[in-house]
């Protein structure tokens, strides 16, 4: 059971890293193009989510990076 909990935490951490890079790129895009993400539809959608839904979004973002991590781990070990 502990193995599965660790895997869920790793996926959430990968999602957090992806989300941080996504926010940084969106902020840079806002600066370059002069639009506001938070005032748009996606910003309102994200702000309206509760904590569980935000965690699900983080896991959704983390799954691709987690799978890449697993592939590289199998390939090089």
C-alpha atoms as a PDB file:
ATOM      1  CA  UNK A   1       0.000   0.000   0.000  1.00  0.00           C
ATOM      2  CA  UNK A   2       2.882   2.354   0.804  1.00  0.00           C
ATOM      3  CA  UNK A   3       4.238   1.844  -2.738  1.00  0.00           C
ATOM      4  CA  UNK A   4       0.968   3.075  -4.254  1.00  0.00           C
ATOM      5  CA  UNK A   5       0.836   6.092  -1.974  1.00  0.00           C
ATOM      6  CA  UNK A   6       4.407   6.990  -2.991  1.00  0.00           C
ATOM      7  CA  UNK A   7       3.500   6.629  -6.680  1.00  0.00           C
ATOM      8  CA  UNK A   8       0.496   8.940  -6.249  1.00  0.00           C
ATOM      9  CA  UNK A   9       2.732  11.490  -4.522  1.00  0.00           C
ATOM     10  CA  UNK A  10       5.282  11.274  -7.346  1.00  0.00           C
ATOM     11  CA  UNK A  11       2.573  11.852  -9.958  1.00  0.00           C
ATOM     12  CA  UNK A  12       1.236  14.833  -8.005  1.00  0.00           C
ATOM     13  CA  UNK A  13       4.761  16.262  -7.683  1.00  0.00           C
ATOM     14  CA  UNK A  14       5.329  15.881 -11.437  1.00  0.00           C
ATOM     15  CA  UNK A  15       2.009  17.646 -11.981  1.00  0.00           C
ATOM     16  CA  UNK A  16       3.043  20.453  -9.667  1.00  0.00           C
ATOM     17  CA  UNK A  17       6.295  20.955 -11.567  1.00  0.00           C
ATOM     18  CA  UNK A  18       4.422  20.927 -14.887  1.00  0.00           C
ATOM     19  CA  UNK A  19       1.844  23.352 -13.523  1.00  0.00           C
ATOM     20  CA  UNK A  20       4.553  25.740 -12.319  1.00  0.00           C
ATOM     21  CA  UNK A  21       6.216  25.756 -15.742  1.00  0.00           C
ATOM     22  CA  UNK A  22       2.816  26.198 -17.386  1.00  0.00           C
ATOM     23  CA  UNK A  23       2.020  29.195 -15.179  1.00  0.00           C
ATOM     24  CA  UNK A  24       5.447  30.721 -15.870  1.00  0.00           C
ATOM     25  CA  UNK A  25       4.952  30.360 -19.619  1.00  0.00           C
ATOM     26  CA  UNK A  26       1.415  31.775 -19.418  1.00  0.00           C
ATOM     27  CA  UNK A  27       2.678  34.740 -17.377  1.00  0.00           C
ATOM     28  CA  UNK A  28       5.401  35.353 -19.976  1.00  0.00           C
ATOM     29  CA  UNK A  29       2.796  35.120 -22.732  1.00  0.00           C
ATOM     30  CA  UNK A  30       0.618  37.634 -20.858  1.00  0.00           C
ATOM     31  CA  UNK A  31       3.571  39.992 -20.658  1.00  0.00           C
ATOM     32  CA  UNK A  32       4.449  39.566 -24.352  1.00  0.00           C
ATOM     33  CA  UNK A  33       0.935  39.636 -25.821  1.00  0.00           C
ATOM     34  CA  UNK A  34      -0.773  41.786 -23.174  1.00  0.00           C
ATOM     35  CA  UNK A  35      -3.701  39.571 -22.248  1.00  0.00           C
ATOM     36  CA  UNK A  36      -4.820  38.279 -18.867  1.00  0.00           C
ATOM     37  CA  UNK A  37      -5.196  34.548 -18.238  1.00  0.00           C
ATOM     38  CA  UNK A  38      -6.865  35.063 -14.874  1.00  0.00           C
ATOM     39  CA  UNK A  39      -9.542  37.376 -16.321  1.00  0.00           C
ATOM     40  CA  UNK A  40     -10.378  34.911 -19.111  1.00  0.00           C
ATOM     41  CA  UNK A  41     -12.497  31.777 -19.147  1.00  0.00           C
ATOM     42  CA  UNK A  42      -9.700  29.406 -18.128  1.00  0.00           C
ATOM     43  CA  UNK A  43      -8.698  31.614 -15.217  1.00  0.00           C
ATOM     44  CA  UNK A  44     -12.260  31.702 -13.887  1.00  0.00           C
ATOM     45  CA  UNK A  45     -12.554  27.946 -14.399  1.00  0.00           C
ATOM     46  CA  UNK A  46      -9.371  27.267 -12.410  1.00  0.00           C
ATOM     47  CA  UNK A  47     -10.300  29.675  -9.629  1.00  0.00           C
ATOM     48  CA  UNK A  48     -13.742  28.063  -9.303  1.00  0.00           C
ATOM     49  CA  UNK A  49     -12.343  24.565  -8.684  1.00  0.00           C
ATOM     50  CA  UNK A  50     -12.281  23.212  -5.142  1.00  0.00           C
ATOM     51  CA  UNK A  51      -9.132  21.677  -3.615  1.00  0.00           C
ATOM     52  CA  UNK A  52      -9.881  18.093  -4.722  1.00  0.00           C
ATOM     53  CA  UNK A  53     -10.517  19.195  -8.293  1.00  0.00           C
ATOM     54  CA  UNK A  54      -7.246  21.163  -8.292  1.00  0.00           C
ATOM     55  CA  UNK A  55      -5.390  18.043  -7.097  1.00  0.00           C
ATOM     56  CA  UNK A  56      -6.990  16.035  -9.906  1.00  0.00           C
ATOM     57  CA  UNK A  57      -5.785  18.680 -12.381  1.00  0.00           C
ATOM     58  CA  UNK A  58      -2.261  18.379 -10.936  1.00  0.00           C
ATOM     59  CA  UNK A  59      -2.362  14.588 -11.315  1.00  0.00           C
ATOM     60  CA  UNK A  60      -3.618  15.013 -14.887  1.00  0.00           C
ATOM     61  CA  UNK A  61      -0.652  17.290 -15.659  1.00  0.00           C
ATOM     62  CA  UNK A  62       1.734  14.937 -13.878  1.00  0.00           C
ATOM     63  CA  UNK A  63       0.854  11.697 -15.666  1.00  0.00           C
ATOM     64  CA  UNK A  64       2.816  12.386 -18.910  1.00  0.00           C
ATOM     65  CA  UNK A  65       5.986  13.376 -17.032  1.00  0.00           C
ATOM     66  CA  UNK A  66       5.580  10.400 -14.698  1.00  0.00           C
ATOM     67  CA  UNK A  67       5.313   8.029 -17.671  1.00  0.00           C
ATOM     68  CA  UNK A  68       8.418   9.562 -19.260  1.00  0.00           C
ATOM     69  CA  UNK A  69      10.229   9.124 -15.933  1.00  0.00           C
ATOM     70  CA  UNK A  70       9.203   5.441 -15.808  1.00  0.00           C
ATOM     71  CA  UNK A  71      10.345   4.843 -19.410  1.00  0.00           C
ATOM     72  CA  UNK A  72      13.756   6.409 -18.781  1.00  0.00           C
ATOM     73  CA  UNK A  73      14.097   4.523 -15.498  1.00  0.00           C
ATOM     74  CA  UNK A  74      13.467   1.187 -17.241  1.00  0.00           C
ATOM     75  CA  UNK A  75      15.700   2.087 -20.177  1.00  0.00           C
ATOM     76  CA  UNK A  76      18.754   3.108 -18.167  1.00  0.00           C
ATOM     77  CA  UNK A  77      18.493   0.685 -15.231  1.00  0.00           C
END
